[in-house]
């Protein structure tokens, strides 16, 4: 069963509300990815990748257990944030950037 119709029913989301749930993931990803690209050389790619993975884990649990639409949207935005961090850190690891 697709999740969005289930969440739309559970939280009585309008089409705009359902669209916000979908849009909350990609909105922070590019900005956070760029910022993480600046931080990764200082902190280290592996540490950043682990931080992004930990954030993804926590935000996925929050998404699954969301009691309302606001928490659902925030959890989805945190998932996108985690993706941006992990993406930039993974590129840093691939390029051999280590903490200095």
PDB file of N, CA and C in Angstrom:
ATOM      1  N   UNK A   1       0.847  -1.179   0.000  1.00  0.00           N
ATOM      2  CA  UNK A   1       0.000   0.000   0.000  1.00  0.00           C
ATOM      3  C   UNK A   1       0.894   1.244   0.000  1.00  0.00           C
ATOM      4  N   UNK A   2       0.655   2.172  -0.909  1.00  0.00           N
ATOM      5  CA  UNK A   2       1.428   3.419  -0.919  1.00  0.00           C
ATOM      6  C   UNK A   2       1.196   4.200   0.371  1.00  0.00           C
ATOM      7  N   UNK A   3       2.239   4.858   0.846  1.00  0.00           N
ATOM      8  CA  UNK A   3       2.147   5.565   2.124  1.00  0.00           C
ATOM      9  C   UNK A   3       1.394   6.878   2.054  1.00  0.00           C
ATOM     10  N   UNK A   4       1.560   7.635   0.977  1.00  0.00           N
ATOM     11  CA  UNK A   4       0.961   8.965   0.936  1.00  0.00           C
ATOM     12  C   UNK A   4      -0.566   8.942   1.086  1.00  0.00           C
ATOM     13  N   UNK A   5      -1.297   8.066   0.387  1.00  0.00           N
ATOM     14  CA  UNK A   5      -2.744   8.035   0.620  1.00  0.00           C
ATOM     15  C   UNK A   5      -3.098   7.659   2.059  1.00  0.00           C
ATOM     16  N   UNK A   6      -2.292   6.785   2.645  1.00  0.00           N
ATOM     17  CA  UNK A   6      -2.534   6.395   4.031  1.00  0.00           C
ATOM     18  C   UNK A   6      -2.350   7.586   4.973  1.00  0.00           C
ATOM     19  N   UNK A   7      -1.259   8.338   4.784  1.00  0.00           N
ATOM     20  CA  UNK A   7      -1.029   9.521   5.613  1.00  0.00           C
ATOM     21  C   UNK A   7      -2.054  10.611   5.316  1.00  0.00           C
ATOM     22  N   UNK A   8      -2.463  10.733   4.070  1.00  0.00           N
ATOM     23  CA  UNK A   8      -3.487  11.725   3.718  1.00  0.00           C
ATOM     24  C   UNK A   8      -4.781  11.437   4.456  1.00  0.00           C
ATOM     25  N   UNK A   9      -5.151  10.179   4.515  1.00  0.00           N
ATOM     26  CA  UNK A   9      -6.367   9.801   5.249  1.00  0.00           C
ATOM     27  C   UNK A   9      -6.184   9.988   6.751  1.00  0.00           C
ATOM     28  N   UNK A  10      -5.064   9.528   7.262  1.00  0.00           N
ATOM     29  CA  UNK A  10      -4.816   9.557   8.714  1.00  0.00           C
ATOM     30  C   UNK A  10      -4.783  10.982   9.258  1.00  0.00           C
ATOM     31  N   UNK A  11      -4.137  11.899   8.513  1.00  0.00           N
ATOM     32  CA  UNK A  11      -3.979  13.273   8.993  1.00  0.00           C
ATOM     33  C   UNK A  11      -4.892  14.263   8.287  1.00  0.00           C
ATOM     34  N   UNK A  12      -5.829  13.754   7.470  1.00  0.00           N
ATOM     35  CA  UNK A  12      -6.792  14.589   6.749  1.00  0.00           C
ATOM     36  C   UNK A  12      -6.086  15.681   5.945  1.00  0.00           C
ATOM     37  N   UNK A  13      -5.095  15.266   5.161  1.00  0.00           N
ATOM     38  CA  UNK A  13      -4.307  16.213   4.372  1.00  0.00           C
ATOM     39  C   UNK A  13      -5.047  16.608   3.097  1.00  0.00           C
ATOM     40  N   UNK A  14      -4.982  17.879   2.778  1.00  0.00           N
ATOM     41  CA  UNK A  14      -5.479  18.346   1.486  1.00  0.00           C
ATOM     42  C   UNK A  14      -4.437  17.982   0.430  1.00  0.00           C
ATOM     43  N   UNK A  15      -4.726  18.290  -0.828  1.00  0.00           N
ATOM     44  CA  UNK A  15      -3.735  18.040  -1.871  1.00  0.00           C
ATOM     45  C   UNK A  15      -2.482  18.874  -1.630  1.00  0.00           C
ATOM     46  N   UNK A  16      -2.664  20.094  -1.144  1.00  0.00           N
ATOM     47  CA  UNK A  16      -1.522  20.946  -0.821  1.00  0.00           C
ATOM     48  C   UNK A  16      -0.727  20.352   0.333  1.00  0.00           C
ATOM     49  N   UNK A  17      -1.408  19.868   1.346  1.00  0.00           N
ATOM     50  CA  UNK A  17      -0.732  19.248   2.483  1.00  0.00           C
ATOM     51  C   UNK A  17       0.039  18.005   2.079  1.00  0.00           C
ATOM     52  N   UNK A  18      -0.552  17.194   1.215  1.00  0.00           N
ATOM     53  CA  UNK A  18       0.137  15.999   0.720  1.00  0.00           C
ATOM     54  C   UNK A  18       1.341  16.403  -0.128  1.00  0.00           C
ATOM     55  N   UNK A  19       1.192  17.456  -0.902  1.00  0.00           N
ATOM     56  CA  UNK A  19       2.310  17.953  -1.698  1.00  0.00           C
ATOM     57  C   UNK A  19       3.434  18.464  -0.823  1.00  0.00           C
ATOM     58  N   UNK A  20       3.091  19.076   0.301  1.00  0.00           N
ATOM     59  CA  UNK A  20       4.107  19.550   1.233  1.00  0.00           C
ATOM     60  C   UNK A  20       4.897  18.390   1.825  1.00  0.00           C
ATOM     61  N   UNK A  21       4.210  17.298   2.129  1.00  0.00           N
ATOM     62  CA  UNK A  21       4.906  16.103   2.633  1.00  0.00           C
ATOM     63  C   UNK A  21       5.919  15.624   1.595  1.00  0.00           C
ATOM     64  N   UNK A  22       5.520  15.619   0.336  1.00  0.00           N
ATOM     65  CA  UNK A  22       6.436  15.197  -0.725  1.00  0.00           C
ATOM     66  C   UNK A  22       7.574  16.200  -0.921  1.00  0.00           C
ATOM     67  N   UNK A  23       7.266  17.488  -0.868  1.00  0.00           N
ATOM     68  CA  UNK A  23       8.261  18.526  -1.138  1.00  0.00           C
ATOM     69  C   UNK A  23       9.218  18.744   0.024  1.00  0.00           C
ATOM     70  N   UNK A  24       8.845  18.334   1.213  1.00  0.00           N
ATOM     71  CA  UNK A  24       9.687  18.582   2.387  1.00  0.00           C
ATOM     72  C   UNK A  24      11.028  17.869   2.299  1.00  0.00           C
ATOM     73  N   UNK A  25      11.096  16.763   1.591  1.00  0.00           N
ATOM     74  CA  UNK A  25      12.362  16.027   1.459  1.00  0.00           C
ATOM     75  C   UNK A  25      13.369  16.740   0.559  1.00  0.00           C
ATOM     76  N   UNK A  26      13.010  17.084  -0.679  1.00  0.00           N
ATOM     77  CA  UNK A  26      14.031  17.662  -1.558  1.00  0.00           C
ATOM     78  C   UNK A  26      14.353  19.130  -1.281  1.00  0.00           C
ATOM     79  N   UNK A  27      13.518  19.850  -0.553  1.00  0.00           N
ATOM     80  CA  UNK A  27      13.769  21.278  -0.333  1.00  0.00           C
ATOM     81  C   UNK A  27      15.099  21.565   0.369  1.00  0.00           C
ATOM     82  N   UNK A  28      15.417  20.920   1.489  1.00  0.00           N
ATOM     83  CA  UNK A  28      16.686  21.254   2.153  1.00  0.00           C
ATOM     84  C   UNK A  28      17.908  20.559   1.557  1.00  0.00           C
ATOM     85  N   UNK A  29      17.715  19.542   0.746  1.00  0.00           N
ATOM     86  CA  UNK A  29      18.822  18.698   0.295  1.00  0.00           C
ATOM     87  C   UNK A  29      19.935  19.463  -0.424  1.00  0.00           C
ATOM     88  N   UNK A  30      19.658  20.293  -1.439  1.00  0.00           N
ATOM     89  CA  UNK A  30      20.770  20.950  -2.132  1.00  0.00           C
ATOM     90  C   UNK A  30      21.512  21.964  -1.265  1.00  0.00           C
ATOM     91  N   UNK A  31      20.788  22.727  -0.468  1.00  0.00           N
ATOM     92  CA  UNK A  31      21.434  23.736   0.377  1.00  0.00           C
ATOM     93  C   UNK A  31      22.304  23.056   1.429  1.00  0.00           C
ATOM     94  N   UNK A  32      21.751  22.045   2.079  1.00  0.00           N
ATOM     95  CA  UNK A  32      22.508  21.317   3.102  1.00  0.00           C
ATOM     96  C   UNK A  32      23.685  20.582   2.461  1.00  0.00           C
ATOM     97  N   UNK A  33      23.486  20.050   1.256  1.00  0.00           N
ATOM     98  CA  UNK A  33      24.580  19.385   0.556  1.00  0.00           C
ATOM     99  C   UNK A  33      25.743  20.325   0.301  1.00  0.00           C
ATOM    100  N   UNK A  34      25.443  21.545  -0.127  1.00  0.00           N
ATOM    101  CA  UNK A  34      26.502  22.535  -0.366  1.00  0.00           C
ATOM    102  C   UNK A  34      27.204  22.943   0.929  1.00  0.00           C
ATOM    103  N   UNK A  35      26.415  23.192   1.964  1.00  0.00           N
ATOM    104  CA  UNK A  35      27.008  23.562   3.252  1.00  0.00           C
ATOM    105  C   UNK A  35      27.853  22.420   3.821  1.00  0.00           C
ATOM    106  N   UNK A  36      27.359  21.209   3.683  1.00  0.00           N
ATOM    107  CA  UNK A  36      28.109  20.044   4.165  1.00  0.00           C
ATOM    108  C   UNK A  36      29.402  19.867   3.380  1.00  0.00           C
ATOM    109  N   UNK A  37      29.373  20.222   2.104  1.00  0.00           N
ATOM    110  CA  UNK A  37      30.584  20.156   1.303  1.00  0.00           C
ATOM    111  C   UNK A  37      31.666  21.091   1.815  1.00  0.00           C
ATOM    112  N   UNK A  38      31.250  22.191   2.430  1.00  0.00           N
ATOM    113  CA  UNK A  38      32.223  23.121   3.016  1.00  0.00           C
ATOM    114  C   UNK A  38      32.759  22.613   4.360  1.00  0.00           C
ATOM    115  N   UNK A  39      31.929  21.903   5.096  1.00  0.00           N
ATOM    116  CA  UNK A  39      32.303  21.431   6.430  1.00  0.00           C
ATOM    117  C   UNK A  39      33.069  20.109   6.376  1.00  0.00           C
ATOM    118  N   UNK A  40      32.774  19.280   5.398  1.00  0.00           N
ATOM    119  CA  UNK A  40      33.356  17.937   5.323  1.00  0.00           C
ATOM    120  C   UNK A  40      34.876  17.914   5.357  1.00  0.00           C
ATOM    121  N   UNK A  41      35.578  18.786   4.637  1.00  0.00           N
ATOM    122  CA  UNK A  41      37.042  18.730   4.713  1.00  0.00           C
ATOM    123  C   UNK A  41      37.593  19.007   6.123  1.00  0.00           C
ATOM    124  N   UNK A  42      36.876  19.796   6.897  1.00  0.00           N
ATOM    125  CA  UNK A  42      37.336  20.117   8.255  1.00  0.00           C
ATOM    126  C   UNK A  42      37.028  19.007   9.250  1.00  0.00           C
ATOM    127  N   UNK A  43      35.846  18.408   9.111  1.00  0.00           N
ATOM    128  CA  UNK A  43      35.381  17.410  10.074  1.00  0.00           C
ATOM    129  C   UNK A  43      35.796  16.005   9.668  1.00  0.00           C
ATOM    130  N   UNK A  44      35.803  15.758   8.379  1.00  0.00           N
ATOM    131  CA  UNK A  44      36.116  14.428   7.870  1.00  0.00           C
ATOM    132  C   UNK A  44      34.888  13.791   7.253  1.00  0.00           C
ATOM    133  N   UNK A  45      35.114  13.155   6.114  1.00  0.00           N
ATOM    134  CA  UNK A  45      34.007  12.561   5.376  1.00  0.00           C
ATOM    135  C   UNK A  45      33.306  11.443   6.117  1.00  0.00           C
ATOM    136  N   UNK A  46      34.089  10.595   6.778  1.00  0.00           N
ATOM    137  CA  UNK A  46      33.467   9.469   7.490  1.00  0.00           C
ATOM    138  C   UNK A  46      32.589   9.939   8.640  1.00  0.00           C
ATOM    139  N   UNK A  47      33.069  10.923   9.380  1.00  0.00           N
ATOM    140  CA  UNK A  47      32.261  11.450  10.497  1.00  0.00           C
ATOM    141  C   UNK A  47      30.972  12.078   9.986  1.00  0.00           C
ATOM    142  N   UNK A  48      31.082  12.825   8.916  1.00  0.00           N
ATOM    143  CA  UNK A  48      29.881  13.458   8.349  1.00  0.00           C
ATOM    144  C   UNK A  48      28.915  12.407   7.818  1.00  0.00           C
ATOM    145  N   UNK A  49      29.441  11.372   7.158  1.00  0.00           N
ATOM    146  CA  UNK A  49      28.577  10.309   6.633  1.00  0.00           C
ATOM    147  C   UNK A  49      27.871   9.587   7.774  1.00  0.00           C
ATOM    148  N   UNK A  50      28.583   9.337   8.855  1.00  0.00           N
ATOM    149  CA  UNK A  50      27.958   8.697  10.019  1.00  0.00           C
ATOM    150  C   UNK A  50      26.906   9.602  10.649  1.00  0.00           C
ATOM    151  N   UNK A  51      27.199  10.896  10.723  1.00  0.00           N
ATOM    152  CA  UNK A  51      26.217  11.844  11.270  1.00  0.00           C
ATOM    153  C   UNK A  51      24.970  11.888  10.391  1.00  0.00           C
ATOM    154  N   UNK A  52      25.165  11.918   9.070  1.00  0.00           N
ATOM    155  CA  UNK A  52      24.021  11.916   8.159  1.00  0.00           C
ATOM    156  C   UNK A  52      23.204  10.639   8.271  1.00  0.00           C
ATOM    157  N   UNK A  53      23.879   9.522   8.412  1.00  0.00           N
ATOM    158  CA  UNK A  53      23.181   8.244   8.555  1.00  0.00           C
ATOM    159  C   UNK A  53      22.413   8.172   9.873  1.00  0.00           C
ATOM    160  N   UNK A  54      23.014   8.682  10.942  1.00  0.00           N
ATOM    161  CA  UNK A  54      22.331   8.706  12.234  1.00  0.00           C
ATOM    162  C   UNK A  54      21.091   9.604  12.170  1.00  0.00           C
ATOM    163  N   UNK A  55      21.227  10.770  11.534  1.00  0.00           N
ATOM    164  CA  UNK A  55      20.082  11.666  11.383  1.00  0.00           C
ATOM    165  C   UNK A  55      18.984  11.026  10.544  1.00  0.00           C
ATOM    166  N   UNK A  56      19.374  10.303   9.516  1.00  0.00           N
ATOM    167  CA  UNK A  56      18.379   9.607   8.687  1.00  0.00           C
ATOM    168  C   UNK A  56      17.637   8.562   9.510  1.00  0.00           C
ATOM    169  N   UNK A  57      18.347   7.839  10.348  1.00  0.00           N
ATOM    170  CA  UNK A  57      17.720   6.822  11.186  1.00  0.00           C
ATOM    171  C   UNK A  57      16.702   7.448  12.135  1.00  0.00           C
ATOM    172  N   UNK A  58      17.113   8.504  12.835  1.00  0.00           N
ATOM    173  CA  UNK A  58      16.227   9.174  13.795  1.00  0.00           C
ATOM    174  C   UNK A  58      15.018   9.785  13.085  1.00  0.00           C
ATOM    175  N   UNK A  59      15.259  10.454  11.961  1.00  0.00           N
ATOM    176  CA  UNK A  59      14.154  11.113  11.261  1.00  0.00           C
ATOM    177  C   UNK A  59      13.189  10.103  10.635  1.00  0.00           C
ATOM    178  N   UNK A  60      13.688   8.947  10.254  1.00  0.00           N
ATOM    179  CA  UNK A  60      12.801   7.916   9.713  1.00  0.00           C
ATOM    180  C   UNK A  60      11.894   7.356  10.805  1.00  0.00           C
ATOM    181  N   UNK A  61      12.444   7.152  12.005  1.00  0.00           N
ATOM    182  CA  UNK A  61      11.594   6.737  13.119  1.00  0.00           C
ATOM    183  C   UNK A  61      10.561   7.807  13.445  1.00  0.00           C
ATOM    184  N   UNK A  62      10.980   9.074  13.430  1.00  0.00           N
ATOM    185  CA  UNK A  62      10.036  10.170  13.688  1.00  0.00           C
ATOM    186  C   UNK A  62       8.946  10.207  12.628  1.00  0.00           C
ATOM    187  N   UNK A  63       9.310   9.970  11.379  1.00  0.00           N
ATOM    188  CA  UNK A  63       8.328   9.944  10.298  1.00  0.00           C
ATOM    189  C   UNK A  63       7.330   8.809  10.508  1.00  0.00           C
ATOM    190  N   UNK A  64       7.842   7.650  10.874  1.00  0.00           N
ATOM    191  CA  UNK A  64       6.966   6.490  11.065  1.00  0.00           C
ATOM    192  C   UNK A  64       6.019   6.665  12.246  1.00  0.00           C
ATOM    193  N   UNK A  65       6.468   7.360  13.276  1.00  0.00           N
ATOM    194  CA  UNK A  65       5.673   7.503  14.496  1.00  0.00           C
ATOM    195  C   UNK A  65       5.019   8.869  14.633  1.00  0.00           C
ATOM    196  N   UNK A  66       5.011   9.651  13.569  1.00  0.00           N
ATOM    197  CA  UNK A  66       4.491  11.022  13.624  1.00  0.00           C
ATOM    198  C   UNK A  66       3.047  11.052  14.116  1.00  0.00           C
ATOM    199  N   UNK A  67       2.791  11.863  15.148  1.00  0.00           N
ATOM    200  CA  UNK A  67       1.430  11.960  15.660  1.00  0.00           C
ATOM    201  C   UNK A  67       0.548  12.949  14.905  1.00  0.00           C
ATOM    202  N   UNK A  68       1.179  13.821  14.091  1.00  0.00           N
ATOM    203  CA  UNK A  68       0.410  14.810  13.346  1.00  0.00           C
ATOM    204  C   UNK A  68       1.165  15.212  12.081  1.00  0.00           C
ATOM    205  N   UNK A  69       0.536  16.016  11.267  1.00  0.00           N
ATOM    206  CA  UNK A  69       1.110  16.404   9.975  1.00  0.00           C
ATOM    207  C   UNK A  69       2.346  17.283  10.118  1.00  0.00           C
ATOM    208  N   UNK A  70       2.406  18.099  11.156  1.00  0.00           N
ATOM    209  CA  UNK A  70       3.566  18.970  11.354  1.00  0.00           C
ATOM    210  C   UNK A  70       4.817  18.132  11.607  1.00  0.00           C
ATOM    211  N   UNK A  71       4.715  17.150  12.477  1.00  0.00           N
ATOM    212  CA  UNK A  71       5.847  16.263  12.761  1.00  0.00           C
ATOM    213  C   UNK A  71       6.202  15.462  11.514  1.00  0.00           C
ATOM    214  N   UNK A  72       5.195  15.062  10.762  1.00  0.00           N
ATOM    215  CA  UNK A  72       5.423  14.323   9.514  1.00  0.00           C
ATOM    216  C   UNK A  72       6.247  15.172   8.542  1.00  0.00           C
ATOM    217  N   UNK A  73       5.881  16.433   8.373  1.00  0.00           N
ATOM    218  CA  UNK A  73       6.617  17.339   7.481  1.00  0.00           C
ATOM    219  C   UNK A  73       8.037  17.603   7.981  1.00  0.00           C
ATOM    220  N   UNK A  74       8.183  17.838   9.284  1.00  0.00           N
ATOM    221  CA  UNK A  74       9.509  18.098   9.848  1.00  0.00           C
ATOM    222  C   UNK A  74      10.416  16.878   9.733  1.00  0.00           C
ATOM    223  N   UNK A  75       9.864  15.705   9.984  1.00  0.00           N
ATOM    224  CA  UNK A  75      10.652  14.479   9.858  1.00  0.00           C
ATOM    225  C   UNK A  75      11.095  14.275   8.415  1.00  0.00           C
ATOM    226  N   UNK A  76      10.206  14.561   7.490  1.00  0.00           N
ATOM    227  CA  UNK A  76      10.544  14.422   6.065  1.00  0.00           C
ATOM    228  C   UNK A  76      11.636  15.423   5.671  1.00  0.00           C
ATOM    229  N   UNK A  77      11.563  16.646   6.201  1.00  0.00           N
ATOM    230  CA  UNK A  77      12.606  17.635   5.930  1.00  0.00           C
ATOM    231  C   UNK A  77      13.941  17.202   6.531  1.00  0.00           C
ATOM    232  N   UNK A  78      13.902  16.588   7.705  1.00  0.00           N
ATOM    233  CA  UNK A  78      15.137  16.074   8.303  1.00  0.00           C
ATOM    234  C   UNK A  78      15.710  14.919   7.490  1.00  0.00           C
ATOM    235  N   UNK A  79      14.845  14.125   6.872  1.00  0.00           N
ATOM    236  CA  UNK A  79      15.340  13.074   5.988  1.00  0.00           C
ATOM    237  C   UNK A  79      16.089  13.689   4.802  1.00  0.00           C
ATOM    238  N   UNK A  80      15.550  14.749   4.243  1.00  0.00           N
ATOM    239  CA  UNK A  80      16.229  15.445   3.149  1.00  0.00           C
ATOM    240  C   UNK A  80      17.530  16.083   3.598  1.00  0.00           C
ATOM    241  N   UNK A  81      17.543  16.604   4.821  1.00  0.00           N
ATOM    242  CA  UNK A  81      18.767  17.164   5.389  1.00  0.00           C
ATOM    243  C   UNK A  81      19.821  16.073   5.528  1.00  0.00           C
ATOM    244  N   UNK A  82      19.409  14.926   6.051  1.00  0.00           N
ATOM    245  CA  UNK A  82      20.329  13.791   6.194  1.00  0.00           C
ATOM    246  C   UNK A  82      20.865  13.344   4.846  1.00  0.00           C
ATOM    247  N   UNK A  83      20.025  13.362   3.835  1.00  0.00           N
ATOM    248  CA  UNK A  83      20.470  12.978   2.489  1.00  0.00           C
ATOM    249  C   UNK A  83      21.523  13.943   1.971  1.00  0.00           C
ATOM    250  N   UNK A  84      21.332  15.243   2.201  1.00  0.00           N
ATOM    251  CA  UNK A  84      22.310  16.235   1.772  1.00  0.00           C
ATOM    252  C   UNK A  84      23.646  16.066   2.473  1.00  0.00           C
ATOM    253  N   UNK A  85      23.600  15.789   3.770  1.00  0.00           N
ATOM    254  CA  UNK A  85      24.830  15.575   4.537  1.00  0.00           C
ATOM    255  C   UNK A  85      25.546  14.323   4.040  1.00  0.00           C
ATOM    256  N   UNK A  86      24.808  13.245   3.916  1.00  0.00           N
ATOM    257  CA  UNK A  86      25.402  11.976   3.502  1.00  0.00           C
ATOM    258  C   UNK A  86      25.949  12.059   2.087  1.00  0.00           C
ATOM    259  N   UNK A  87      25.239  12.727   1.209  1.00  0.00           N
ATOM    260  CA  UNK A  87      25.667  12.885  -0.184  1.00  0.00           C
ATOM    261  C   UNK A  87      26.999  13.624  -0.254  1.00  0.00           C
ATOM    262  N   UNK A  88      27.084  14.773   0.413  1.00  0.00           N
ATOM    263  CA  UNK A  88      28.319  15.563   0.383  1.00  0.00           C
ATOM    264  C   UNK A  88      29.463  14.814   1.055  1.00  0.00           C
ATOM    265  N   UNK A  89      29.185  14.170   2.174  1.00  0.00           N
ATOM    266  CA  UNK A  89      30.226  13.432   2.882  1.00  0.00           C
ATOM    267  C   UNK A  89      30.723  12.255   2.060  1.00  0.00           C
ATOM    268  N   UNK A  90      29.831  11.583   1.374  1.00  0.00           N
ATOM    269  CA  UNK A  90      30.233  10.441   0.551  1.00  0.00           C
ATOM    270  C   UNK A  90      31.131  10.875  -0.595  1.00  0.00           C
ATOM    271  N   UNK A  91      30.829  12.005  -1.175  1.00  0.00           N
ATOM    272  CA  UNK A  91      31.702  12.536  -2.229  1.00  0.00           C
ATOM    273  C   UNK A  91      33.070  12.890  -1.626  1.00  0.00           C
ATOM    274  N   UNK A  92      33.064  13.451  -0.424  1.00  0.00           N
ATOM    275  CA  UNK A  92      34.315  13.774   0.239  1.00  0.00           C
ATOM    276  C   UNK A  92      35.151  12.535   0.514  1.00  0.00           C
ATOM    277  N   UNK A  93      34.508  11.461   0.941  1.00  0.00           N
ATOM    278  CA  UNK A  93      35.214  10.202   1.178  1.00  0.00           C
ATOM    279  C   UNK A  93      35.770   9.667  -0.140  1.00  0.00           C
ATOM    280  N   UNK A  94      34.960   9.724  -1.190  1.00  0.00           N
ATOM    281  CA  UNK A  94      35.396   9.219  -2.493  1.00  0.00           C
ATOM    282  C   UNK A  94      36.583  10.013  -3.032  1.00  0.00           C
ATOM    283  N   UNK A  95      36.628  11.302  -2.723  1.00  0.00           N
ATOM    284  CA  UNK A  95      37.725  12.142  -3.186  1.00  0.00           C
ATOM    285  C   UNK A  95      38.917  12.127  -2.232  1.00  0.00           C
ATOM    286  N   UNK A  96      38.767  11.406  -1.130  1.00  0.00           N
ATOM    287  CA  UNK A  96      39.867  11.278  -0.190  1.00  0.00           C
ATOM    288  C   UNK A  96      40.050  12.450   0.739  1.00  0.00           C
ATOM    289  N   UNK A  97      38.994  13.217   1.020  1.00  0.00           N
ATOM    290  CA  UNK A  97      39.091  14.335   1.945  1.00  0.00           C
ATOM    291  C   UNK A  97      39.031  13.803   3.371  1.00  0.00           C
ATOM    292  N   UNK A  98      40.020  14.109   4.142  1.00  0.00           N
ATOM    293  CA  UNK A  98      40.070  13.687   5.537  1.00  0.00           C
ATOM    294  C   UNK A  98      40.184  14.923   6.407  1.00  0.00           C
ATOM    295  N   UNK A  99      39.801  14.783   7.659  1.00  0.00           N
ATOM    296  CA  UNK A  99      39.909  15.907   8.585  1.00  0.00           C
ATOM    297  C   UNK A  99      41.373  16.314   8.737  1.00  0.00           C
ATOM    298  N   UNK A 100      41.568  17.613   8.847  1.00  0.00           N
ATOM    299  CA  UNK A 100      42.948  18.110   8.949  1.00  0.00           C
ATOM    300  C   UNK A 100      43.294  18.513  10.340  1.00  0.00           C
TER     301      UNK A 100
END
